[in-house]
Amino acid sequence: MSQVTIFNNSIPDIGLFTRPVTQGDEYALVQMFIDYYCHRFIRDNKKTQLAVFVEPRIDSGFPDVVFASYLPSITNNWSDKREALDVFDLKLLSYLCSAKNVFGAKLISTLGFPEKQTITSLEKLMDAKLVSYRNHSWRVRELRDVFSLTKLIAVEAKLNDISRVVEQTHINTRFASHSYALTNSAHPQGETVKTFKRFGLGLYGKDTQFRRIVEAKEHTLPSSYLSFQFNEWIGKSIAHQGGTQYA
């Protein structure tokens, strides 16, 4: 199996949908950056795998590209019960990760989810061996057995006026461990660089080659249910043998 897998088309069987790309200079820049990042990843990483998602559909839009580094052990504790998990289930799982041990009544009152749906989701998560019930409270099992992503890097590309992509780059911090913007300029304006630094956002530029102008602040994973969504897409794709191997 290749160390890198590209997801640039929809795979309905695993719940992944992508937006058809718009050909042009911006897309060409993204493709060059994907090639650059993949080559560096293969050179520098021996213990992790890489999944590359090109314009995946998530609830906040279609990020241009998302690089997900993950441990090969992602399917060691996999089960077919995870095939049935939906967005509601992942939201519940994400909350339990941040809340640790939670009583059922508090879970319902805090999240405001319908009681019947909450109970159904908890049963699905327990069947999938992702959560356990002990001493009248719910908890996530060992995180390393549930979540296998080590990095989740989102990249938004913009030609010329890079200041216009700050908002979307910031939105991507909801799920990514690192969020970057990508521009075809190697020397963006000083105020633009200051803005990216102030918000903890990263910035790549390019002239003859790519250069990291601002390093993104790192956020702990999983940071939301969307982090889990990428984890599940990868696990399901391995089970279904989806995606295109990078050569």
C-alpha atoms as a PDB file:
ATOM      1  CA  MET A   1       0.000   0.000   0.000  1.00  0.00           C
ATOM      2  CA  SER A   2       1.266   3.480  -0.861  1.00  0.00           C
ATOM      3  CA  GLN A   3       2.166   5.823   1.992  1.00  0.00           C
ATOM      4  CA  VAL A   4      -0.079   8.521   0.481  1.00  0.00           C
ATOM      5  CA  THR A   5      -3.698   8.264  -0.688  1.00  0.00           C
ATOM      6  CA  ILE A   6      -5.482  11.012  -2.622  1.00  0.00           C
ATOM      7  CA  PHE A   7      -9.232  11.598  -2.252  1.00  0.00           C
ATOM      8  CA  ASN A   8     -10.241  13.871  -5.125  1.00  0.00           C
ATOM      9  CA  ASN A   9     -13.607  12.326  -5.972  1.00  0.00           C
ATOM     10  CA  SER A  10     -16.776  11.571  -4.040  1.00  0.00           C
ATOM     11  CA  ILE A  11     -17.036   8.130  -2.434  1.00  0.00           C
ATOM     12  CA  PRO A  12     -20.682   7.817  -1.337  1.00  0.00           C
ATOM     13  CA  ASP A  13     -20.071   4.403   0.253  1.00  0.00           C
ATOM     14  CA  ILE A  14     -18.014   6.047   3.010  1.00  0.00           C
ATOM     15  CA  GLY A  15     -20.019   9.271   3.142  1.00  0.00           C
ATOM     16  CA  LEU A  16     -17.360  11.414   1.454  1.00  0.00           C
ATOM     17  CA  PHE A  17     -18.450  14.017  -1.086  1.00  0.00           C
ATOM     18  CA  THR A  18     -16.138  16.413  -2.903  1.00  0.00           C
ATOM     19  CA  ARG A  19     -16.802  19.487  -5.039  1.00  0.00           C
ATOM     20  CA  PRO A  20     -15.862  19.304  -8.729  1.00  0.00           C
ATOM     21  CA  VAL A  21     -12.691  21.338  -9.141  1.00  0.00           C
ATOM     22  CA  THR A  22     -12.577  24.527 -11.189  1.00  0.00           C
ATOM     23  CA  GLN A  23      -9.668  24.428 -13.591  1.00  0.00           C
ATOM     24  CA  GLY A  24      -7.454  27.495 -13.606  1.00  0.00           C
ATOM     25  CA  ASP A  25      -4.392  29.085 -12.054  1.00  0.00           C
ATOM     26  CA  GLU A  26      -5.617  28.669  -8.482  1.00  0.00           C
ATOM     27  CA  TYR A  27      -6.293  24.962  -8.929  1.00  0.00           C
ATOM     28  CA  ALA A  28      -2.886  24.559 -10.615  1.00  0.00           C
ATOM     29  CA  LEU A  29      -1.275  26.187  -7.552  1.00  0.00           C
ATOM     30  CA  VAL A  30      -3.105  23.756  -5.254  1.00  0.00           C
ATOM     31  CA  GLN A  31      -1.997  20.770  -7.340  1.00  0.00           C
ATOM     32  CA  MET A  32       1.623  21.906  -7.228  1.00  0.00           C
ATOM     33  CA  PHE A  33       1.384  22.337  -3.470  1.00  0.00           C
ATOM     34  CA  ILE A  34      -0.105  18.846  -3.049  1.00  0.00           C
ATOM     35  CA  ASP A  35       2.819  17.404  -4.990  1.00  0.00           C
ATOM     36  CA  TYR A  36       5.286  19.454  -2.932  1.00  0.00           C
ATOM     37  CA  TYR A  37       3.704  18.407   0.387  1.00  0.00           C
ATOM     38  CA  CYS A  38       3.461  14.724  -0.534  1.00  0.00           C
ATOM     39  CA  HIS A  39       7.100  14.522  -1.565  1.00  0.00           C
ATOM     40  CA  ARG A  40       8.184  16.172   1.686  1.00  0.00           C
ATOM     41  CA  PHE A  41       5.928  13.876   3.696  1.00  0.00           C
ATOM     42  CA  ILE A  42       7.327  10.722   2.104  1.00  0.00           C
ATOM     43  CA  ARG A  43      10.865  11.981   2.694  1.00  0.00           C
ATOM     44  CA  ASP A  44      10.350  12.979   6.343  1.00  0.00           C
ATOM     45  CA  ASN A  45       7.830  10.443   7.697  1.00  0.00           C
ATOM     46  CA  LYS A  46       8.385   6.740   8.157  1.00  0.00           C
ATOM     47  CA  LYS A  47       5.828   5.833  10.813  1.00  0.00           C
ATOM     48  CA  THR A  48       2.708   7.622   9.571  1.00  0.00           C
ATOM     49  CA  GLN A  49       0.513   7.540   6.464  1.00  0.00           C
ATOM     50  CA  LEU A  50      -1.036  10.496   4.649  1.00  0.00           C
ATOM     51  CA  ALA A  51      -4.538  11.024   3.267  1.00  0.00           C
ATOM     52  CA  VAL A  52      -5.081  14.035   1.003  1.00  0.00           C
ATOM     53  CA  PHE A  53      -8.642  15.346   0.650  1.00  0.00           C
ATOM     54  CA  VAL A  54      -9.242  17.719  -2.278  1.00  0.00           C
ATOM     55  CA  GLU A  55     -12.230  20.012  -1.666  1.00  0.00           C
ATOM     56  CA  PRO A  56     -14.101  17.691   0.722  1.00  0.00           C
ATOM     57  CA  ARG A  57     -17.601  18.759   1.751  1.00  0.00           C
ATOM     58  CA  ILE A  58     -17.886  19.619   5.446  1.00  0.00           C
ATOM     59  CA  ASP A  59     -20.464  21.730   7.244  1.00  0.00           C
ATOM     60  CA  SER A  60     -18.349  24.906   6.970  1.00  0.00           C
ATOM     61  CA  GLY A  61     -17.788  24.597   3.220  1.00  0.00           C
ATOM     62  CA  PHE A  62     -15.189  23.036   0.939  1.00  0.00           C
ATOM     63  CA  PRO A  63     -11.583  23.559   2.118  1.00  0.00           C
ATOM     64  CA  ASP A  64      -9.259  23.502  -0.892  1.00  0.00           C
ATOM     65  CA  VAL A  65      -7.163  20.663   0.498  1.00  0.00           C
ATOM     66  CA  VAL A  66      -6.803  18.838   3.814  1.00  0.00           C
ATOM     67  CA  PHE A  67      -3.734  16.746   4.662  1.00  0.00           C
ATOM     68  CA  ALA A  68      -4.442  14.083   7.292  1.00  0.00           C
ATOM     69  CA  SER A  69      -1.474  12.243   8.819  1.00  0.00           C
ATOM     70  CA  TYR A  70      -2.511   9.054  10.574  1.00  0.00           C
ATOM     71  CA  LEU A  71      -1.121   5.951  12.226  1.00  0.00           C
ATOM     72  CA  PRO A  72      -1.226   2.696  10.223  1.00  0.00           C
ATOM     73  CA  SER A  73      -2.894   1.118  13.260  1.00  0.00           C
ATOM     74  CA  ILE A  74      -6.094   3.049  12.478  1.00  0.00           C
ATOM     75  CA  THR A  75      -7.963  -0.157  11.610  1.00  0.00           C
ATOM     76  CA  ASN A  76      -6.590  -2.314  14.450  1.00  0.00           C
ATOM     77  CA  ASN A  77      -9.693  -1.682  16.532  1.00  0.00           C
ATOM     78  CA  TRP A  78     -12.027  -1.110  13.610  1.00  0.00           C
ATOM     79  CA  SER A  79     -15.388  -2.824  13.324  1.00  0.00           C
ATOM     80  CA  ASP A  80     -18.189  -2.845  10.793  1.00  0.00           C
ATOM     81  CA  LYS A  81     -20.363  -1.116  13.427  1.00  0.00           C
ATOM     82  CA  ARG A  82     -18.507   2.107  12.636  1.00  0.00           C
ATOM     83  CA  GLU A  83     -19.986   2.024   9.143  1.00  0.00           C
ATOM     84  CA  ALA A  84     -23.340   3.051  10.625  1.00  0.00           C
ATOM     85  CA  LEU A  85     -22.088   6.117  12.513  1.00  0.00           C
ATOM     86  CA  ASP A  86     -23.512   9.452  11.354  1.00  0.00           C
ATOM     87  CA  VAL A  87     -22.803  13.106  12.085  1.00  0.00           C
ATOM     88  CA  PHE A  88     -24.976  13.115  15.213  1.00  0.00           C
ATOM     89  CA  ASP A  89     -23.027  10.155  16.630  1.00  0.00           C
ATOM     90  CA  LEU A  90     -19.695  11.863  15.935  1.00  0.00           C
ATOM     91  CA  LYS A  91     -20.867  15.071  17.639  1.00  0.00           C
ATOM     92  CA  LEU A  92     -21.704  13.044  20.718  1.00  0.00           C
ATOM     93  CA  LEU A  93     -18.354  11.250  20.572  1.00  0.00           C
ATOM     94  CA  SER A  94     -16.500  14.541  20.241  1.00  0.00           C
ATOM     95  CA  TYR A  95     -18.298  15.976  23.269  1.00  0.00           C
ATOM     96  CA  LEU A  96     -17.462  12.930  25.384  1.00  0.00           C
ATOM     97  CA  CYS A  97     -13.782  13.351  24.430  1.00  0.00           C
ATOM     98  CA  SER A  98     -13.737  16.847  25.892  1.00  0.00           C
ATOM     99  CA  ALA A  99     -16.050  16.187  28.849  1.00  0.00           C
ATOM    100  CA  LYS A 100     -14.506  12.911  30.069  1.00  0.00           C
ATOM    101  CA  ASN A 101     -17.006  11.119  32.352  1.00  0.00           C
ATOM    102  CA  VAL A 102     -20.602  12.307  31.886  1.00  0.00           C
ATOM    103  CA  PHE A 103     -23.885  11.180  33.423  1.00  0.00           C
ATOM    104  CA  GLY A 104     -26.601  10.449  30.875  1.00  0.00           C
ATOM    105  CA  ALA A 105     -29.018  13.093  32.219  1.00  0.00           C
ATOM    106  CA  LYS A 106     -26.304  15.770  32.080  1.00  0.00           C
ATOM    107  CA  LEU A 107     -25.380  14.718  28.564  1.00  0.00           C
ATOM    108  CA  ILE A 108     -28.945  15.306  27.368  1.00  0.00           C
ATOM    109  CA  SER A 109     -29.428  18.582  29.249  1.00  0.00           C
ATOM    110  CA  THR A 110     -26.056  20.048  28.244  1.00  0.00           C
ATOM    111  CA  LEU A 111     -26.191  19.255  24.538  1.00  0.00           C
ATOM    112  CA  GLY A 112     -29.919  19.762  24.146  1.00  0.00           C
ATOM    113  CA  PHE A 113     -30.184  16.746  21.833  1.00  0.00           C
ATOM    114  CA  PRO A 114     -33.431  14.734  21.732  1.00  0.00           C
ATOM    115  CA  GLU A 115     -33.376  12.054  24.442  1.00  0.00           C
ATOM    116  CA  LYS A 116     -34.334   9.197  22.131  1.00  0.00           C
ATOM    117  CA  GLN A 117     -31.689  10.149  19.557  1.00  0.00           C
ATOM    118  CA  THR A 118     -29.053  10.519  22.275  1.00  0.00           C
ATOM    119  CA  ILE A 119     -29.767   7.066  23.673  1.00  0.00           C
ATOM    120  CA  THR A 120     -29.669   5.545  20.188  1.00  0.00           C
ATOM    121  CA  SER A 121     -26.335   7.221  19.447  1.00  0.00           C
ATOM    122  CA  LEU A 122     -24.812   6.059  22.726  1.00  0.00           C
ATOM    123  CA  GLU A 123     -25.848   2.496  21.903  1.00  0.00           C
ATOM    124  CA  LYS A 124     -24.273   2.784  18.432  1.00  0.00           C
ATOM    125  CA  LEU A 125     -21.043   4.170  19.891  1.00  0.00           C
ATOM    126  CA  MET A 126     -20.910   1.412  22.467  1.00  0.00           C
ATOM    127  CA  ASP A 127     -21.554  -1.271  19.813  1.00  0.00           C
ATOM    128  CA  ALA A 128     -18.654   0.221  17.835  1.00  0.00           C
ATOM    129  CA  LYS A 129     -16.476  -0.053  20.977  1.00  0.00           C
ATOM    130  CA  LEU A 130     -15.811   3.686  21.043  1.00  0.00           C
ATOM    131  CA  VAL A 131     -17.422   4.484  24.417  1.00  0.00           C
ATOM    132  CA  SER A 132     -18.085   2.611  27.627  1.00  0.00           C
ATOM    133  CA  TYR A 133     -20.579   2.922  30.475  1.00  0.00           C
ATOM    134  CA  ARG A 134     -19.267   2.608  34.017  1.00  0.00           C
ATOM    135  CA  ASN A 135     -20.402   3.873  37.421  1.00  0.00           C
ATOM    136  CA  HIS A 136     -23.486   5.469  35.866  1.00  0.00           C
ATOM    137  CA  SER A 137     -21.400   7.614  33.494  1.00  0.00           C
ATOM    138  CA  TRP A 138     -20.302   7.551  29.862  1.00  0.00           C
ATOM    139  CA  ARG A 139     -16.710   7.889  28.755  1.00  0.00           C
ATOM    140  CA  VAL A 140     -14.650   7.518  25.603  1.00  0.00           C
ATOM    141  CA  ARG A 141     -12.340   4.520  25.505  1.00  0.00           C
ATOM    142  CA  GLU A 142      -8.587   5.074  25.176  1.00  0.00           C
ATOM    143  CA  LEU A 143      -8.273   7.898  22.651  1.00  0.00           C
ATOM    144  CA  ARG A 144      -5.421   6.188  20.793  1.00  0.00           C
ATOM    145  CA  ASP A 145      -7.809   3.278  20.089  1.00  0.00           C
ATOM    146  CA  VAL A 146     -10.530   5.619  18.849  1.00  0.00           C
ATOM    147  CA  PHE A 147      -8.713   8.407  16.993  1.00  0.00           C
ATOM    148  CA  SER A 148      -5.596   7.829  14.858  1.00  0.00           C
ATOM    149  CA  LEU A 149      -4.866  11.218  13.275  1.00  0.00           C
ATOM    150  CA  THR A 150      -1.601  12.857  14.313  1.00  0.00           C
ATOM    151  CA  LYS A 151      -1.974  16.001  12.184  1.00  0.00           C
ATOM    152  CA  LEU A 152      -4.837  17.563  10.246  1.00  0.00           C
ATOM    153  CA  ILE A 153      -3.640  20.425   8.069  1.00  0.00           C
ATOM    154  CA  ALA A 154      -6.163  22.548   6.173  1.00  0.00           C
ATOM    155  CA  VAL A 155      -5.046  24.764   3.282  1.00  0.00           C
ATOM    156  CA  GLU A 156      -6.989  27.543   1.533  1.00  0.00           C
ATOM    157  CA  ALA A 157      -5.523  28.923  -1.697  1.00  0.00           C
ATOM    158  CA  LYS A 158      -5.925  32.456  -2.978  1.00  0.00           C
ATOM    159  CA  LEU A 159      -4.180  34.224  -5.820  1.00  0.00           C
ATOM    160  CA  ASN A 160      -3.020  37.797  -5.346  1.00  0.00           C
ATOM    161  CA  ASP A 161      -5.277  39.259  -2.595  1.00  0.00           C
ATOM    162  CA  ILE A 162      -4.474  36.815   0.215  1.00  0.00           C
ATOM    163  CA  SER A 163      -6.209  39.018   2.824  1.00  0.00           C
ATOM    164  CA  ARG A 164      -9.562  37.813   1.453  1.00  0.00           C
ATOM    165  CA  VAL A 165      -8.940  34.245   2.590  1.00  0.00           C
ATOM    166  CA  VAL A 166      -8.203  35.002   6.259  1.00  0.00           C
ATOM    167  CA  GLU A 167     -11.787  34.313   7.390  1.00  0.00           C
ATOM    168  CA  GLN A 168     -12.004  30.859   5.808  1.00  0.00           C
ATOM    169  CA  THR A 169      -8.535  29.961   7.051  1.00  0.00           C
ATOM    170  CA  HIS A 170      -9.665  30.896  10.554  1.00  0.00           C
ATOM    171  CA  ILE A 171     -12.877  28.850  10.219  1.00  0.00           C
ATOM    172  CA  ASN A 172     -10.758  25.792   9.406  1.00  0.00           C
ATOM    173  CA  THR A 173      -9.225  25.928  12.890  1.00  0.00           C
ATOM    174  CA  ARG A 174     -12.521  24.394  14.060  1.00  0.00           C
ATOM    175  CA  PHE A 175     -11.311  20.983  12.942  1.00  0.00           C
ATOM    176  CA  ALA A 176      -7.658  21.246  11.874  1.00  0.00           C
ATOM    177  CA  SER A 177      -4.552  20.999  14.020  1.00  0.00           C
ATOM    178  CA  HIS A 178      -2.918  23.537  11.668  1.00  0.00           C
ATOM    179  CA  SER A 179      -4.655  25.947   9.283  1.00  0.00           C
ATOM    180  CA  TYR A 180      -2.805  27.592   6.393  1.00  0.00           C
ATOM    181  CA  ALA A 181      -3.478  29.912   3.489  1.00  0.00           C
ATOM    182  CA  LEU A 182      -1.569  29.491   0.239  1.00  0.00           C
ATOM    183  CA  THR A 183      -0.653  32.314  -2.150  1.00  0.00           C
ATOM    184  CA  ASN A 184       1.362  32.658  -5.322  1.00  0.00           C
ATOM    185  CA  SER A 185       3.290  35.567  -3.791  1.00  0.00           C
ATOM    186  CA  ALA A 186       6.532  34.982  -1.919  1.00  0.00           C
ATOM    187  CA  HIS A 187       6.420  38.464  -0.338  1.00  0.00           C
ATOM    188  CA  PRO A 188       2.907  39.351   0.912  1.00  0.00           C
ATOM    189  CA  GLN A 189       2.296  42.734   2.528  1.00  0.00           C
ATOM    190  CA  GLY A 190       3.546  43.233   6.063  1.00  0.00           C
ATOM    191  CA  GLU A 191       0.046  43.878   7.443  1.00  0.00           C
ATOM    192  CA  THR A 192      -1.162  40.598   5.960  1.00  0.00           C
ATOM    193  CA  VAL A 193       1.654  38.706   7.652  1.00  0.00           C
ATOM    194  CA  LYS A 194       0.852  40.430  10.973  1.00  0.00           C
ATOM    195  CA  THR A 195      -2.817  39.437  10.656  1.00  0.00           C
ATOM    196  CA  PHE A 196      -1.952  35.783  10.138  1.00  0.00           C
ATOM    197  CA  LYS A 197       0.412  35.819  13.108  1.00  0.00           C
ATOM    198  CA  ARG A 198      -2.172  37.521  15.323  1.00  0.00           C
ATOM    199  CA  PHE A 199      -4.792  34.832  14.636  1.00  0.00           C
ATOM    200  CA  GLY A 200      -2.354  31.924  14.800  1.00  0.00           C
ATOM    201  CA  LEU A 201      -2.881  31.133  11.120  1.00  0.00           C
ATOM    202  CA  GLY A 202      -0.175  29.834   8.813  1.00  0.00           C
ATOM    203  CA  LEU A 203       0.826  31.164   5.417  1.00  0.00           C
ATOM    204  CA  TYR A 204       2.671  29.590   2.488  1.00  0.00           C
ATOM    205  CA  GLY A 205       3.961  31.589  -0.475  1.00  0.00           C
ATOM    206  CA  LYS A 206       5.590  30.677  -3.762  1.00  0.00           C
ATOM    207  CA  ASP A 207       7.982  32.130  -6.280  1.00  0.00           C
ATOM    208  CA  THR A 208      10.308  29.500  -7.747  1.00  0.00           C
ATOM    209  CA  GLN A 209       9.449  27.176  -4.857  1.00  0.00           C
ATOM    210  CA  PHE A 210       7.093  27.035  -1.882  1.00  0.00           C
ATOM    211  CA  ARG A 211       8.080  28.803   1.327  1.00  0.00           C
ATOM    212  CA  ARG A 212       6.401  28.804   4.723  1.00  0.00           C
ATOM    213  CA  ILE A 213       6.107  32.489   5.591  1.00  0.00           C
ATOM    214  CA  VAL A 214       4.143  32.094   8.846  1.00  0.00           C
ATOM    215  CA  GLU A 215       3.940  28.896  10.879  1.00  0.00           C
ATOM    216  CA  ALA A 216       0.434  27.995  12.038  1.00  0.00           C
ATOM    217  CA  LYS A 217      -0.412  27.649  15.712  1.00  0.00           C
ATOM    218  CA  GLU A 218      -1.019  24.005  16.630  1.00  0.00           C
ATOM    219  CA  HIS A 219      -4.433  22.965  17.973  1.00  0.00           C
ATOM    220  CA  THR A 220      -5.016  19.754  19.898  1.00  0.00           C
ATOM    221  CA  LEU A 221      -6.799  16.937  18.068  1.00  0.00           C
ATOM    222  CA  PRO A 222      -9.601  16.008  17.967  1.00  0.00           C
ATOM    223  CA  SER A 223     -10.870  19.582  18.169  1.00  0.00           C
ATOM    224  CA  SER A 224     -14.428  18.899  16.977  1.00  0.00           C
ATOM    225  CA  TYR A 225     -16.599  16.202  15.461  1.00  0.00           C
ATOM    226  CA  LEU A 226     -15.204  17.218  12.059  1.00  0.00           C
ATOM    227  CA  SER A 227     -11.786  15.960  13.171  1.00  0.00           C
ATOM    228  CA  PHE A 228     -13.474  12.608  13.781  1.00  0.00           C
ATOM    229  CA  GLN A 229     -15.135  12.837  10.362  1.00  0.00           C
ATOM    230  CA  PHE A 230     -11.758  12.738   8.608  1.00  0.00           C
ATOM    231  CA  ASN A 231     -10.657   9.896  10.873  1.00  0.00           C
ATOM    232  CA  GLU A 232     -13.752   7.871   9.935  1.00  0.00           C
ATOM    233  CA  TRP A 233     -13.382   8.572   6.207  1.00  0.00           C
ATOM    234  CA  ILE A 234      -9.856   7.187   6.287  1.00  0.00           C
ATOM    235  CA  GLY A 235     -10.794   4.100   8.283  1.00  0.00           C
ATOM    236  CA  LYS A 236     -13.772   3.349   6.064  1.00  0.00           C
ATOM    237  CA  SER A 237     -11.725   3.910   2.906  1.00  0.00           C
ATOM    238  CA  ILE A 238      -9.177   1.325   3.990  1.00  0.00           C
ATOM    239  CA  ALA A 239     -11.999  -1.122   4.675  1.00  0.00           C
ATOM    240  CA  HIS A 240     -13.507  -0.324   1.259  1.00  0.00           C
ATOM    241  CA  GLN A 241     -10.165   0.165  -0.524  1.00  0.00           C
ATOM    242  CA  GLY A 242     -11.201   3.650  -1.690  1.00  0.00           C
ATOM    243  CA  GLY A 243      -9.029   6.589  -2.773  1.00  0.00           C
ATOM    244  CA  THR A 244      -6.228   6.877  -5.307  1.00  0.00           C
ATOM    245  CA  GLN A 245      -2.683   5.843  -4.406  1.00  0.00           C
ATOM    246  CA  TYR A 246      -0.086   8.571  -4.842  1.00  0.00           C
ATOM    247  CA  ALA A 247       2.841   7.748  -7.067  1.00  0.00           C
END
